[in-house]
């Protein structure tokens, strides 16, 4: 049962929010990193992208919250399925967001080697269908259109989620607005800062190395 649904796009502090929610007792929190680690759910997410019936309880089995894609792609379906859940929309300056997304996740998926193994290819295909060809209409390289989609998403969330259920959050604001929204005490610890560009690049290199087939020795 999801108690918190994060609907912000990647590179808006979603991994920091995941860590914060787990520290506040709303974990485990689902994130794209969990999909990459728990690849048995790739088929379910592929079905969701294809518009097939989805068992959300099965996809989020064991989780109390979700942030980032793939969940944020289906924010309308999830807020319908979990009407009691509180919704958090992480935001960022659109130009800064685009630079960050372009230099990390878009560059990463655009440079996948041809030697990637079958399981890795399924992950990449799902991400392409869900994010780059889906949310961004195959036009993420067009900065103006990508930023427009980013802004349209924020406008739709603000228009469709009742204000009492919605927190629009810049993670730079720290604990106070998040804890006030969730009705929990502010921790005596710094707000988490996770997944900067250098950290993302290191994780990406490790994933590619693990998913790349080693040529057989003659």
C-alpha atoms as a PDB file:
ATOM      1  CA  UNK A   1       0.000   0.000   0.000  1.00  0.00           C
ATOM      2  CA  UNK A   2       1.544   3.282  -1.086  1.00  0.00           C
ATOM      3  CA  UNK A   3       1.298   6.129   1.412  1.00  0.00           C
ATOM      4  CA  UNK A   4       3.402   8.610  -0.572  1.00  0.00           C
ATOM      5  CA  UNK A   5       3.575   9.049  -4.353  1.00  0.00           C
ATOM      6  CA  UNK A   6       6.400  11.133  -5.801  1.00  0.00           C
ATOM      7  CA  UNK A   7       5.494  12.523  -9.215  1.00  0.00           C
ATOM      8  CA  UNK A   8       8.571  14.622 -10.035  1.00  0.00           C
ATOM      9  CA  UNK A   9      10.773  13.854 -13.028  1.00  0.00           C
ATOM     10  CA  UNK A  10      14.250  12.328 -12.601  1.00  0.00           C
ATOM     11  CA  UNK A  11      17.043  14.799 -11.793  1.00  0.00           C
ATOM     12  CA  UNK A  12      14.785  16.868  -9.539  1.00  0.00           C
ATOM     13  CA  UNK A  13      16.199  15.394  -6.327  1.00  0.00           C
ATOM     14  CA  UNK A  14      14.228  12.170  -6.459  1.00  0.00           C
ATOM     15  CA  UNK A  15      16.980   9.982  -4.975  1.00  0.00           C
ATOM     16  CA  UNK A  16      17.477  12.502  -2.167  1.00  0.00           C
ATOM     17  CA  UNK A  17      13.709  12.384  -1.551  1.00  0.00           C
ATOM     18  CA  UNK A  18      13.767   8.580  -1.553  1.00  0.00           C
ATOM     19  CA  UNK A  19      16.469   8.612   1.118  1.00  0.00           C
ATOM     20  CA  UNK A  20      14.599  11.235   3.136  1.00  0.00           C
ATOM     21  CA  UNK A  21      11.311   9.321   3.026  1.00  0.00           C
ATOM     22  CA  UNK A  22      13.031   6.180   4.211  1.00  0.00           C
ATOM     23  CA  UNK A  23      14.643   8.075   7.082  1.00  0.00           C
ATOM     24  CA  UNK A  24      11.211   9.399   8.045  1.00  0.00           C
ATOM     25  CA  UNK A  25       9.674   5.912   8.158  1.00  0.00           C
ATOM     26  CA  UNK A  26       7.941   5.898   4.760  1.00  0.00           C
ATOM     27  CA  UNK A  27      10.150   3.223   3.272  1.00  0.00           C
ATOM     28  CA  UNK A  28      11.029   1.189   1.497  1.00  0.00           C
ATOM     29  CA  UNK A  29      10.697   3.789  -1.257  1.00  0.00           C
ATOM     30  CA  UNK A  30      10.571   2.682  -4.896  1.00  0.00           C
ATOM     31  CA  UNK A  31      12.859   4.400  -7.433  1.00  0.00           C
ATOM     32  CA  UNK A  32      14.257   3.543 -10.851  1.00  0.00           C
ATOM     33  CA  UNK A  33      17.335   2.233  -9.039  1.00  0.00           C
ATOM     34  CA  UNK A  34      15.074  -0.415  -7.463  1.00  0.00           C
ATOM     35  CA  UNK A  35      13.839  -1.490 -10.900  1.00  0.00           C
ATOM     36  CA  UNK A  36      17.418  -1.890 -12.080  1.00  0.00           C
ATOM     37  CA  UNK A  37      18.218  -3.956  -9.000  1.00  0.00           C
ATOM     38  CA  UNK A  38      14.923  -5.929  -9.041  1.00  0.00           C
ATOM     39  CA  UNK A  39      14.702  -6.743 -12.723  1.00  0.00           C
ATOM     40  CA  UNK A  40      11.919  -9.277 -12.279  1.00  0.00           C
ATOM     41  CA  UNK A  41       9.513  -6.306 -12.507  1.00  0.00           C
ATOM     42  CA  UNK A  42      10.681  -5.203 -15.977  1.00  0.00           C
ATOM     43  CA  UNK A  43       7.890  -7.216 -17.619  1.00  0.00           C
ATOM     44  CA  UNK A  44       5.261  -5.526 -15.463  1.00  0.00           C
ATOM     45  CA  UNK A  45       6.551  -2.065 -16.287  1.00  0.00           C
ATOM     46  CA  UNK A  46       6.715  -2.957 -19.966  1.00  0.00           C
ATOM     47  CA  UNK A  47       3.041  -4.001 -19.771  1.00  0.00           C
ATOM     48  CA  UNK A  48       2.223  -0.649 -18.160  1.00  0.00           C
ATOM     49  CA  UNK A  49       3.972   1.210 -20.974  1.00  0.00           C
ATOM     50  CA  UNK A  50       2.045  -0.878 -23.513  1.00  0.00           C
ATOM     51  CA  UNK A  51      -1.265   0.015 -21.862  1.00  0.00           C
ATOM     52  CA  UNK A  52      -1.966  -3.505 -20.603  1.00  0.00           C
ATOM     53  CA  UNK A  53      -3.687  -4.188 -17.261  1.00  0.00           C
ATOM     54  CA  UNK A  54      -1.302  -3.694 -14.345  1.00  0.00           C
ATOM     55  CA  UNK A  55      -1.423  -5.039 -10.795  1.00  0.00           C
ATOM     56  CA  UNK A  56       0.033  -2.049  -8.937  1.00  0.00           C
ATOM     57  CA  UNK A  57       0.095  -3.941  -5.661  1.00  0.00           C
ATOM     58  CA  UNK A  58       2.311  -6.567  -7.255  1.00  0.00           C
ATOM     59  CA  UNK A  59       4.672  -4.027  -8.834  1.00  0.00           C
ATOM     60  CA  UNK A  60       4.994  -2.124  -5.548  1.00  0.00           C
ATOM     61  CA  UNK A  61       4.964  -5.172  -3.289  1.00  0.00           C
ATOM     62  CA  UNK A  62       6.790  -4.332  -0.075  1.00  0.00           C
ATOM     63  CA  UNK A  63       7.010  -0.573  -0.740  1.00  0.00           C
ATOM     64  CA  UNK A  64       5.339   2.264   1.175  1.00  0.00           C
ATOM     65  CA  UNK A  65       6.288   5.046  -1.196  1.00  0.00           C
ATOM     66  CA  UNK A  66       7.513   5.707  -4.721  1.00  0.00           C
ATOM     67  CA  UNK A  67       9.495   8.468  -6.431  1.00  0.00           C
ATOM     68  CA  UNK A  68      11.068   8.987  -9.863  1.00  0.00           C
ATOM     69  CA  UNK A  69      10.281   6.987 -12.979  1.00  0.00           C
ATOM     70  CA  UNK A  70       8.766   4.557 -13.687  1.00  0.00           C
ATOM     71  CA  UNK A  71       6.139   5.368 -11.050  1.00  0.00           C
ATOM     72  CA  UNK A  72       5.999   9.090 -11.856  1.00  0.00           C
ATOM     73  CA  UNK A  73       5.113   8.252 -15.472  1.00  0.00           C
ATOM     74  CA  UNK A  74       1.855   6.719 -14.184  1.00  0.00           C
ATOM     75  CA  UNK A  75       1.007   9.350 -11.595  1.00  0.00           C
ATOM     76  CA  UNK A  76      -2.624   9.603 -12.635  1.00  0.00           C
ATOM     77  CA  UNK A  77      -3.154   5.840 -12.419  1.00  0.00           C
ATOM     78  CA  UNK A  78      -1.384   5.657  -9.054  1.00  0.00           C
ATOM     79  CA  UNK A  79      -3.263   8.553  -7.484  1.00  0.00           C
ATOM     80  CA  UNK A  80      -6.497   6.900  -8.632  1.00  0.00           C
ATOM     81  CA  UNK A  81      -5.416   3.546  -7.199  1.00  0.00           C
ATOM     82  CA  UNK A  82      -4.222   5.083  -3.901  1.00  0.00           C
ATOM     83  CA  UNK A  83      -6.517   8.077  -3.263  1.00  0.00           C
ATOM     84  CA  UNK A  84      -5.395   8.317   0.360  1.00  0.00           C
ATOM     85  CA  UNK A  85      -1.731   8.752  -0.588  1.00  0.00           C
ATOM     86  CA  UNK A  86       0.024  12.075  -0.208  1.00  0.00           C
ATOM     87  CA  UNK A  87       1.620  13.377  -3.392  1.00  0.00           C
ATOM     88  CA  UNK A  88       5.023  15.061  -3.608  1.00  0.00           C
ATOM     89  CA  UNK A  89       6.094  16.821  -6.772  1.00  0.00           C
ATOM     90  CA  UNK A  90       9.788  17.667  -6.826  1.00  0.00           C
ATOM     91  CA  UNK A  91      10.696  20.680  -8.960  1.00  0.00           C
ATOM     92  CA  UNK A  92      13.810  22.383 -10.288  1.00  0.00           C
ATOM     93  CA  UNK A  93      14.695  25.259 -12.588  1.00  0.00           C
ATOM     94  CA  UNK A  94      13.854  23.845 -16.053  1.00  0.00           C
ATOM     95  CA  UNK A  95      17.148  24.852 -17.679  1.00  0.00           C
ATOM     96  CA  UNK A  96      19.202  23.392 -14.837  1.00  0.00           C
ATOM     97  CA  UNK A  97      17.052  20.262 -14.911  1.00  0.00           C
ATOM     98  CA  UNK A  98      17.563  19.832 -18.655  1.00  0.00           C
ATOM     99  CA  UNK A  99      21.344  20.201 -18.431  1.00  0.00           C
ATOM    100  CA  UNK A 100      21.480  17.662 -15.628  1.00  0.00           C
ATOM    101  CA  UNK A 101      19.164  15.149 -17.325  1.00  0.00           C
ATOM    102  CA  UNK A 102      20.911  15.529 -20.686  1.00  0.00           C
ATOM    103  CA  UNK A 103      24.377  15.060 -19.206  1.00  0.00           C
ATOM    104  CA  UNK A 104      23.441  12.027 -17.102  1.00  0.00           C
ATOM    105  CA  UNK A 105      20.486   9.784 -17.923  1.00  0.00           C
ATOM    106  CA  UNK A 106      20.064  10.805 -21.575  1.00  0.00           C
ATOM    107  CA  UNK A 107      23.776  10.513 -22.309  1.00  0.00           C
ATOM    108  CA  UNK A 108      23.898   7.189 -20.492  1.00  0.00           C
ATOM    109  CA  UNK A 109      21.078   5.591 -22.468  1.00  0.00           C
ATOM    110  CA  UNK A 110      22.458   7.048 -25.704  1.00  0.00           C
ATOM    111  CA  UNK A 111      25.840   5.395 -25.201  1.00  0.00           C
ATOM    112  CA  UNK A 112      24.852   1.831 -24.333  1.00  0.00           C
ATOM    113  CA  UNK A 113      27.352  -0.510 -26.004  1.00  0.00           C
ATOM    114  CA  UNK A 114      26.140  -3.089 -28.572  1.00  0.00           C
ATOM    115  CA  UNK A 115      27.624  -5.837 -26.408  1.00  0.00           C
ATOM    116  CA  UNK A 116      25.082  -5.320 -23.624  1.00  0.00           C
ATOM    117  CA  UNK A 117      23.484  -8.605 -22.599  1.00  0.00           C
ATOM    118  CA  UNK A 118      19.847  -9.593 -23.163  1.00  0.00           C
ATOM    119  CA  UNK A 119      18.668  -8.641 -19.688  1.00  0.00           C
ATOM    120  CA  UNK A 120      20.361  -5.265 -19.945  1.00  0.00           C
ATOM    121  CA  UNK A 121      18.764  -4.724 -23.350  1.00  0.00           C
ATOM    122  CA  UNK A 122      15.299  -5.360 -21.870  1.00  0.00           C
ATOM    123  CA  UNK A 123      15.966  -2.654 -19.281  1.00  0.00           C
ATOM    124  CA  UNK A 124      17.126  -0.164 -21.914  1.00  0.00           C
ATOM    125  CA  UNK A 125      14.167  -0.954 -24.192  1.00  0.00           C
ATOM    126  CA  UNK A 126      11.717  -0.416 -21.326  1.00  0.00           C
ATOM    127  CA  UNK A 127      13.345   2.889 -20.366  1.00  0.00           C
ATOM    128  CA  UNK A 128      13.344   4.086 -23.974  1.00  0.00           C
ATOM    129  CA  UNK A 129       9.662   3.244 -24.426  1.00  0.00           C
ATOM    130  CA  UNK A 130       8.653   4.734 -21.084  1.00  0.00           C
ATOM    131  CA  UNK A 131      10.811   7.860 -20.934  1.00  0.00           C
ATOM    132  CA  UNK A 132      12.461   8.960 -24.153  1.00  0.00           C
ATOM    133  CA  UNK A 133       9.882   7.798 -26.711  1.00  0.00           C
ATOM    134  CA  UNK A 134       6.983   8.030 -24.260  1.00  0.00           C
ATOM    135  CA  UNK A 135       7.118  11.025 -21.938  1.00  0.00           C
ATOM    136  CA  UNK A 136       9.422  13.027 -24.214  1.00  0.00           C
ATOM    137  CA  UNK A 137       7.863  11.957 -27.529  1.00  0.00           C
ATOM    138  CA  UNK A 138      11.266  11.016 -28.979  1.00  0.00           C
ATOM    139  CA  UNK A 139      12.244  14.714 -28.762  1.00  0.00           C
ATOM    140  CA  UNK A 140      14.365  14.997 -25.638  1.00  0.00           C
ATOM    141  CA  UNK A 141      17.307  16.285 -27.718  1.00  0.00           C
ATOM    142  CA  UNK A 142      15.106  19.310 -28.520  1.00  0.00           C
ATOM    143  CA  UNK A 143      15.788  21.313 -25.370  1.00  0.00           C
ATOM    144  CA  UNK A 144      12.867  23.688 -25.822  1.00  0.00           C
ATOM    145  CA  UNK A 145      10.343  20.890 -26.254  1.00  0.00           C
ATOM    146  CA  UNK A 146      11.792  18.871 -23.368  1.00  0.00           C
ATOM    147  CA  UNK A 147      11.569  21.890 -21.047  1.00  0.00           C
ATOM    148  CA  UNK A 148       8.035  22.529 -22.275  1.00  0.00           C
ATOM    149  CA  UNK A 149       7.025  18.945 -21.392  1.00  0.00           C
ATOM    150  CA  UNK A 150       8.682  19.405 -17.999  1.00  0.00           C
ATOM    151  CA  UNK A 151       6.613  22.550 -17.375  1.00  0.00           C
ATOM    152  CA  UNK A 152       3.404  20.956 -18.698  1.00  0.00           C
ATOM    153  CA  UNK A 153       3.839  18.096 -16.242  1.00  0.00           C
ATOM    154  CA  UNK A 154       4.077  20.498 -13.304  1.00  0.00           C
ATOM    155  CA  UNK A 155       1.011  22.390 -14.512  1.00  0.00           C
ATOM    156  CA  UNK A 156      -1.006  19.169 -14.846  1.00  0.00           C
ATOM    157  CA  UNK A 157      -0.045  17.975 -11.372  1.00  0.00           C
ATOM    158  CA  UNK A 158      -0.983  21.315  -9.825  1.00  0.00           C
ATOM    159  CA  UNK A 159      -4.301  21.339 -11.686  1.00  0.00           C
ATOM    160  CA  UNK A 160      -5.344  17.765 -10.962  1.00  0.00           C
ATOM    161  CA  UNK A 161      -4.122  16.966  -7.439  1.00  0.00           C
ATOM    162  CA  UNK A 162      -6.125  18.583  -4.618  1.00  0.00           C
ATOM    163  CA  UNK A 163      -3.908  21.112  -2.799  1.00  0.00           C
ATOM    164  CA  UNK A 164      -4.437  19.400   0.554  1.00  0.00           C
ATOM    165  CA  UNK A 165      -2.859  16.220  -0.858  1.00  0.00           C
ATOM    166  CA  UNK A 166       0.006  17.886  -2.733  1.00  0.00           C
ATOM    167  CA  UNK A 167       3.441  19.199  -1.769  1.00  0.00           C
ATOM    168  CA  UNK A 168       5.436  20.941  -4.492  1.00  0.00           C
ATOM    169  CA  UNK A 169       8.987  20.596  -3.204  1.00  0.00           C
ATOM    170  CA  UNK A 170      12.404  21.923  -4.102  1.00  0.00           C
ATOM    171  CA  UNK A 171      14.676  19.558  -2.164  1.00  0.00           C
ATOM    172  CA  UNK A 172      16.990  22.518  -1.472  1.00  0.00           C
ATOM    173  CA  UNK A 173      14.315  23.609   1.045  1.00  0.00           C
ATOM    174  CA  UNK A 174      15.348  20.745   3.305  1.00  0.00           C
ATOM    175  CA  UNK A 175      13.354  18.897   5.928  1.00  0.00           C
ATOM    176  CA  UNK A 176      10.807  21.468   7.126  1.00  0.00           C
ATOM    177  CA  UNK A 177       8.250  21.541   4.288  1.00  0.00           C
ATOM    178  CA  UNK A 178       8.472  17.766   3.830  1.00  0.00           C
ATOM    179  CA  UNK A 179       8.051  16.959   7.515  1.00  0.00           C
ATOM    180  CA  UNK A 180       5.242  19.488   7.913  1.00  0.00           C
ATOM    181  CA  UNK A 181       3.404  17.937   4.968  1.00  0.00           C
ATOM    182  CA  UNK A 182       3.834  14.389   6.302  1.00  0.00           C
ATOM    183  CA  UNK A 183       3.135  15.335   9.914  1.00  0.00           C
ATOM    184  CA  UNK A 184       6.384  13.992  11.335  1.00  0.00           C
ATOM    185  CA  UNK A 185       9.187  15.566  13.411  1.00  0.00           C
ATOM    186  CA  UNK A 186      12.199  17.095  11.702  1.00  0.00           C
ATOM    187  CA  UNK A 187      15.203  14.755  12.102  1.00  0.00           C
ATOM    188  CA  UNK A 188      18.331  15.928  13.869  1.00  0.00           C
ATOM    189  CA  UNK A 189      20.413  15.245  10.765  1.00  0.00           C
ATOM    190  CA  UNK A 190      21.205  17.004   7.478  1.00  0.00           C
ATOM    191  CA  UNK A 191      18.761  16.539   4.628  1.00  0.00           C
ATOM    192  CA  UNK A 192      20.199  13.866   2.309  1.00  0.00           C
ATOM    193  CA  UNK A 193      21.950  14.917  -0.890  1.00  0.00           C
ATOM    194  CA  UNK A 194      22.192  11.947  -3.234  1.00  0.00           C
ATOM    195  CA  UNK A 195      23.023  11.097  -6.833  1.00  0.00           C
ATOM    196  CA  UNK A 196      25.050  14.066  -8.011  1.00  0.00           C
ATOM    197  CA  UNK A 197      26.433  13.800 -11.548  1.00  0.00           C
ATOM    198  CA  UNK A 198      29.697  12.155 -10.478  1.00  0.00           C
ATOM    199  CA  UNK A 199      27.848   9.545  -8.417  1.00  0.00           C
ATOM    200  CA  UNK A 200      25.442   8.867 -11.284  1.00  0.00           C
ATOM    201  CA  UNK A 201      28.331   8.392 -13.730  1.00  0.00           C
ATOM    202  CA  UNK A 202      30.089   5.933 -11.418  1.00  0.00           C
ATOM    203  CA  UNK A 203      26.905   3.884 -10.957  1.00  0.00           C
ATOM    204  CA  UNK A 204      26.271   3.901 -14.692  1.00  0.00           C
ATOM    205  CA  UNK A 205      29.768   2.606 -15.471  1.00  0.00           C
ATOM    206  CA  UNK A 206      29.306  -0.211 -12.976  1.00  0.00           C
ATOM    207  CA  UNK A 207      25.923  -1.184 -14.420  1.00  0.00           C
ATOM    208  CA  UNK A 208      27.242  -1.215 -17.983  1.00  0.00           C
ATOM    209  CA  UNK A 209      30.220  -3.322 -16.944  1.00  0.00           C
ATOM    210  CA  UNK A 210      27.906  -5.816 -15.225  1.00  0.00           C
ATOM    211  CA  UNK A 211      25.541  -5.986 -18.225  1.00  0.00           C
ATOM    212  CA  UNK A 212      28.154  -6.230 -20.964  1.00  0.00           C
ATOM    213  CA  UNK A 213      28.845  -9.573 -22.500  1.00  0.00           C
ATOM    214  CA  UNK A 214      32.470 -10.645 -22.430  1.00  0.00           C
ATOM    215  CA  UNK A 215      33.603 -11.931 -25.834  1.00  0.00           C
ATOM    216  CA  UNK A 216      34.473 -15.591 -25.752  1.00  0.00           C
ATOM    217  CA  UNK A 217      38.111 -16.557 -26.177  1.00  0.00           C
ATOM    218  CA  UNK A 218      38.812 -18.420 -29.432  1.00  0.00           C
END
